[in-house]
Amino acid sequence: MIPPFWLVLTLVAMWALDKWQPLLQLWGKSAADIGFFFIAAGLVLDGWGALRFLLVRTGLVPFTPVTCLVKTGPFRFSRNPMYIGMLSIVLGGAIKFGSLSPFFMLPVLFMILRNRFVIPEEAMLEEVLGEPYLEFKKERRRWL
């Protein structure tokens, strides 16, 4: 199950929580529209990162063969900009829904991405790319 699957599953769970267990309404519809900013920012970040991978023809899907280390585009700022983009989309969705309960899914997705993808990918990249990746890790933060 690739990261976009977990993103969609998280969004569906957020919708269900908002519909059936909204807990506390945090703000009205006009304030909730701020969520679109985070959704758009996440989509841009994901697209920008994916484009960088496609341009250098390296594996975009986690754990597929890696041909090179991408250090340009959003990877100048973070080792995991596409995962940050997904978290931004979920944050935007939670804001858009407007109740407290969808926010509970943000740390859930974070832990899934971190434990199932980020940490194992880092180990794989260290093994495959060696010293260049270790230097990259020193130069870039994992998240922000």
C-alpha atoms as a PDB file:
ATOM      1  CA  MET A   1       0.000   0.000   0.000  1.00  0.00           C
ATOM      2  CA  ILE A   2       1.675   3.151  -1.219  1.00  0.00           C
ATOM      3  CA  PRO A   3       1.503   6.530   0.570  1.00  0.00           C
ATOM      4  CA  PRO A   4      -1.362   7.963  -1.548  1.00  0.00           C
ATOM      5  CA  PHE A   5      -3.510   5.028  -0.391  1.00  0.00           C
ATOM      6  CA  TRP A   6      -2.883   6.047   3.225  1.00  0.00           C
ATOM      7  CA  LEU A   7      -3.638   9.673   2.350  1.00  0.00           C
ATOM      8  CA  VAL A   8      -7.010   8.772   0.830  1.00  0.00           C
ATOM      9  CA  LEU A   9      -7.831   6.394   3.696  1.00  0.00           C
ATOM     10  CA  THR A  10      -7.008   9.162   6.190  1.00  0.00           C
ATOM     11  CA  LEU A  11      -9.236  11.655   4.364  1.00  0.00           C
ATOM     12  CA  VAL A  12     -12.105   9.157   4.356  1.00  0.00           C
ATOM     13  CA  ALA A  13     -11.633   8.527   8.081  1.00  0.00           C
ATOM     14  CA  MET A  14     -11.617  12.294   8.696  1.00  0.00           C
ATOM     15  CA  TRP A  15     -14.875  12.664   6.786  1.00  0.00           C
ATOM     16  CA  ALA A  16     -16.443   9.833   8.813  1.00  0.00           C
ATOM     17  CA  LEU A  17     -15.279  11.340  12.098  1.00  0.00           C
ATOM     18  CA  ASP A  18     -16.623  14.743  11.123  1.00  0.00           C
ATOM     19  CA  LYS A  19     -19.949  13.278  10.025  1.00  0.00           C
ATOM     20  CA  TRP A  20     -20.608  10.860  12.897  1.00  0.00           C
ATOM     21  CA  GLN A  21     -18.343  12.056  15.750  1.00  0.00           C
ATOM     22  CA  PRO A  22     -17.698  15.770  15.209  1.00  0.00           C
ATOM     23  CA  LEU A  23     -16.967  16.391  18.928  1.00  0.00           C
ATOM     24  CA  LEU A  24     -16.609  20.170  18.861  1.00  0.00           C
ATOM     25  CA  GLN A  25     -17.276  22.592  16.004  1.00  0.00           C
ATOM     26  CA  LEU A  26     -14.193  24.840  15.935  1.00  0.00           C
ATOM     27  CA  TRP A  27     -15.259  27.474  13.391  1.00  0.00           C
ATOM     28  CA  GLY A  28     -17.744  28.352  10.698  1.00  0.00           C
ATOM     29  CA  LYS A  29     -17.642  27.784   6.962  1.00  0.00           C
ATOM     30  CA  SER A  30     -15.831  31.019   6.091  1.00  0.00           C
ATOM     31  CA  ALA A  31     -12.921  30.239   8.422  1.00  0.00           C
ATOM     32  CA  ALA A  32     -12.871  26.648   7.198  1.00  0.00           C
ATOM     33  CA  ASP A  33     -12.070  27.888   3.688  1.00  0.00           C
ATOM     34  CA  ILE A  34      -8.518  28.521   4.932  1.00  0.00           C
ATOM     35  CA  GLY A  35      -8.138  24.747   4.657  1.00  0.00           C
ATOM     36  CA  PHE A  36      -8.037  25.083   0.875  1.00  0.00           C
ATOM     37  CA  PHE A  37      -4.712  26.943   1.203  1.00  0.00           C
ATOM     38  CA  PHE A  38      -3.118  23.961   2.976  1.00  0.00           C
ATOM     39  CA  ILE A  39      -4.668  21.490   0.530  1.00  0.00           C
ATOM     40  CA  ALA A  40      -3.372  23.487  -2.445  1.00  0.00           C
ATOM     41  CA  ALA A  41       0.079  23.883  -0.870  1.00  0.00           C
ATOM     42  CA  GLY A  42       0.239  20.130  -0.256  1.00  0.00           C
ATOM     43  CA  LEU A  43      -0.776  19.323  -3.819  1.00  0.00           C
ATOM     44  CA  VAL A  44       1.853  21.721  -5.191  1.00  0.00           C
ATOM     45  CA  LEU A  45       4.543  20.238  -2.948  1.00  0.00           C
ATOM     46  CA  ASP A  46       3.613  16.687  -3.925  1.00  0.00           C
ATOM     47  CA  GLY A  47       3.516  17.526  -7.628  1.00  0.00           C
ATOM     48  CA  TRP A  48       6.782  19.459  -7.502  1.00  0.00           C
ATOM     49  CA  GLY A  49       8.558  16.601  -5.719  1.00  0.00           C
ATOM     50  CA  ALA A  50       7.134  13.967  -8.054  1.00  0.00           C
ATOM     51  CA  LEU A  51       8.163  16.022 -11.079  1.00  0.00           C
ATOM     52  CA  ARG A  52      11.761  16.176  -9.806  1.00  0.00           C
ATOM     53  CA  PHE A  53      11.804  12.372  -9.520  1.00  0.00           C
ATOM     54  CA  LEU A  54      10.336  11.916 -12.986  1.00  0.00           C
ATOM     55  CA  LEU A  55      12.799  14.358 -14.573  1.00  0.00           C
ATOM     56  CA  VAL A  56      15.808  12.385 -13.318  1.00  0.00           C
ATOM     57  CA  ARG A  57      14.077   9.041 -13.925  1.00  0.00           C
ATOM     58  CA  THR A  58      14.448   7.621 -10.451  1.00  0.00           C
ATOM     59  CA  GLY A  59      11.964   5.525  -8.524  1.00  0.00           C
ATOM     60  CA  LEU A  60       8.934   7.541  -7.444  1.00  0.00           C
ATOM     61  CA  VAL A  61       7.100   4.701  -5.692  1.00  0.00           C
ATOM     62  CA  PRO A  62       8.663   3.843  -2.314  1.00  0.00           C
ATOM     63  CA  PHE A  63      11.152   0.983  -2.344  1.00  0.00           C
ATOM     64  CA  THR A  64      11.450   0.864  -6.134  1.00  0.00           C
ATOM     65  CA  PRO A  65      14.948   1.030  -7.654  1.00  0.00           C
ATOM     66  CA  VAL A  66      16.735   4.314  -7.018  1.00  0.00           C
ATOM     67  CA  THR A  67      19.048   5.647  -9.707  1.00  0.00           C
ATOM     68  CA  CYS A  68      20.138   8.912  -8.109  1.00  0.00           C
ATOM     69  CA  LEU A  69      19.702  11.274  -5.192  1.00  0.00           C
ATOM     70  CA  VAL A  70      17.326  14.177  -5.826  1.00  0.00           C
ATOM     71  CA  LYS A  71      18.579  17.360  -4.146  1.00  0.00           C
ATOM     72  CA  THR A  72      16.755  19.999  -6.186  1.00  0.00           C
ATOM     73  CA  GLY A  73      13.295  21.491  -6.079  1.00  0.00           C
ATOM     74  CA  PRO A  74      11.598  20.975  -2.720  1.00  0.00           C
ATOM     75  CA  PHE A  75      14.376  18.577  -1.727  1.00  0.00           C
ATOM     76  CA  ARG A  76      16.582  21.635  -1.156  1.00  0.00           C
ATOM     77  CA  PHE A  77      14.568  22.211   2.036  1.00  0.00           C
ATOM     78  CA  SER A  78      13.583  18.760   3.291  1.00  0.00           C
ATOM     79  CA  ARG A  79      14.356  15.101   2.717  1.00  0.00           C
ATOM     80  CA  ASN A  80      10.620  14.314   2.614  1.00  0.00           C
ATOM     81  CA  PRO A  81       8.705  17.134   0.936  1.00  0.00           C
ATOM     82  CA  MET A  82       6.111  14.842  -0.628  1.00  0.00           C
ATOM     83  CA  TYR A  83       5.203  13.401   2.770  1.00  0.00           C
ATOM     84  CA  ILE A  84       5.021  16.944   4.123  1.00  0.00           C
ATOM     85  CA  GLY A  85       2.672  17.701   1.225  1.00  0.00           C
ATOM     86  CA  MET A  86       0.421  14.819   2.226  1.00  0.00           C
ATOM     87  CA  LEU A  87       0.339  16.026   5.817  1.00  0.00           C
ATOM     88  CA  SER A  88      -0.504  19.517   4.579  1.00  0.00           C
ATOM     89  CA  ILE A  89      -3.428  18.106   2.589  1.00  0.00           C
ATOM     90  CA  VAL A  90      -4.703  16.326   5.704  1.00  0.00           C
ATOM     91  CA  LEU A  91      -4.275  19.468   7.805  1.00  0.00           C
ATOM     92  CA  GLY A  92      -6.212  21.428   5.190  1.00  0.00           C
ATOM     93  CA  GLY A  93      -8.932  18.803   5.183  1.00  0.00           C
ATOM     94  CA  ALA A  94      -9.218  18.929   8.964  1.00  0.00           C
ATOM     95  CA  ILE A  95      -9.492  22.716   8.859  1.00  0.00           C
ATOM     96  CA  LYS A  96     -12.068  22.486   6.076  1.00  0.00           C
ATOM     97  CA  PHE A  97     -14.215  19.994   7.988  1.00  0.00           C
ATOM     98  CA  GLY A  98     -14.183  22.422  10.914  1.00  0.00           C
ATOM     99  CA  SER A  99     -14.712  20.035  13.817  1.00  0.00           C
ATOM    100  CA  LEU A 100     -12.120  18.746  16.265  1.00  0.00           C
ATOM    101  CA  SER A 101     -12.309  15.022  15.517  1.00  0.00           C
ATOM    102  CA  PRO A 102     -10.711  15.056  12.014  1.00  0.00           C
ATOM    103  CA  PHE A 103      -7.551  16.561  13.547  1.00  0.00           C
ATOM    104  CA  PHE A 104      -6.966  13.267  15.376  1.00  0.00           C
ATOM    105  CA  MET A 105      -6.059  11.690  12.039  1.00  0.00           C
ATOM    106  CA  LEU A 106      -3.090  14.004  11.414  1.00  0.00           C
ATOM    107  CA  PRO A 107      -0.762  12.304  13.937  1.00  0.00           C
ATOM    108  CA  VAL A 108      -2.037   8.907  12.783  1.00  0.00           C
ATOM    109  CA  LEU A 109      -0.982   9.598   9.190  1.00  0.00           C
ATOM    110  CA  PHE A 110       2.305  11.094  10.413  1.00  0.00           C
ATOM    111  CA  MET A 111       3.143   7.893  12.321  1.00  0.00           C
ATOM    112  CA  ILE A 112       2.162   5.672   9.376  1.00  0.00           C
ATOM    113  CA  LEU A 113       4.334   7.666   6.957  1.00  0.00           C
ATOM    114  CA  ARG A 114       7.240   7.834   9.406  1.00  0.00           C
ATOM    115  CA  ASN A 115       7.208   4.177  10.452  1.00  0.00           C
ATOM    116  CA  ARG A 116       6.171   2.443   7.220  1.00  0.00           C
ATOM    117  CA  PHE A 117       7.993   4.646   4.731  1.00  0.00           C
ATOM    118  CA  VAL A 118      10.428   7.311   5.956  1.00  0.00           C
ATOM    119  CA  ILE A 119      12.532   5.231   8.341  1.00  0.00           C
ATOM    120  CA  PRO A 120      12.738   2.136   6.076  1.00  0.00           C
ATOM    121  CA  GLU A 121      13.388   4.330   3.006  1.00  0.00           C
ATOM    122  CA  GLU A 122      16.252   6.057   4.796  1.00  0.00           C
ATOM    123  CA  ALA A 123      17.830   2.684   5.598  1.00  0.00           C
ATOM    124  CA  MET A 124      17.415   1.568   1.984  1.00  0.00           C
ATOM    125  CA  LEU A 125      18.901   4.811   0.623  1.00  0.00           C
ATOM    126  CA  GLU A 126      21.879   4.548   2.971  1.00  0.00           C
ATOM    127  CA  GLU A 127      22.508   1.033   1.687  1.00  0.00           C
ATOM    128  CA  VAL A 128      22.008   1.845  -2.010  1.00  0.00           C
ATOM    129  CA  LEU A 129      23.538   5.334  -2.234  1.00  0.00           C
ATOM    130  CA  GLY A 130      26.008   5.203   0.641  1.00  0.00           C
ATOM    131  CA  GLU A 131      28.058   8.269   1.486  1.00  0.00           C
ATOM    132  CA  PRO A 132      26.226  10.735  -0.798  1.00  0.00           C
ATOM    133  CA  TYR A 133      22.988   9.982   1.048  1.00  0.00           C
ATOM    134  CA  LEU A 134      24.670  10.236   4.446  1.00  0.00           C
ATOM    135  CA  GLU A 135      25.929  13.699   3.455  1.00  0.00           C
ATOM    136  CA  PHE A 136      22.453  14.626   2.229  1.00  0.00           C
ATOM    137  CA  LYS A 137      21.036  13.594   5.622  1.00  0.00           C
ATOM    138  CA  LYS A 138      23.503  15.941   7.322  1.00  0.00           C
ATOM    139  CA  GLU A 139      22.535  18.808   4.985  1.00  0.00           C
ATOM    140  CA  ARG A 140      18.723  18.424   5.091  1.00  0.00           C
ATOM    141  CA  ARG A 141      16.278  17.925   7.903  1.00  0.00           C
ATOM    142  CA  ARG A 142      13.940  14.946   7.759  1.00  0.00           C
ATOM    143  CA  TRP A 143      10.843  17.142   7.945  1.00  0.00           C
ATOM    144  CA  LEU A 144      11.147  20.924   8.126  1.00  0.00           C
END
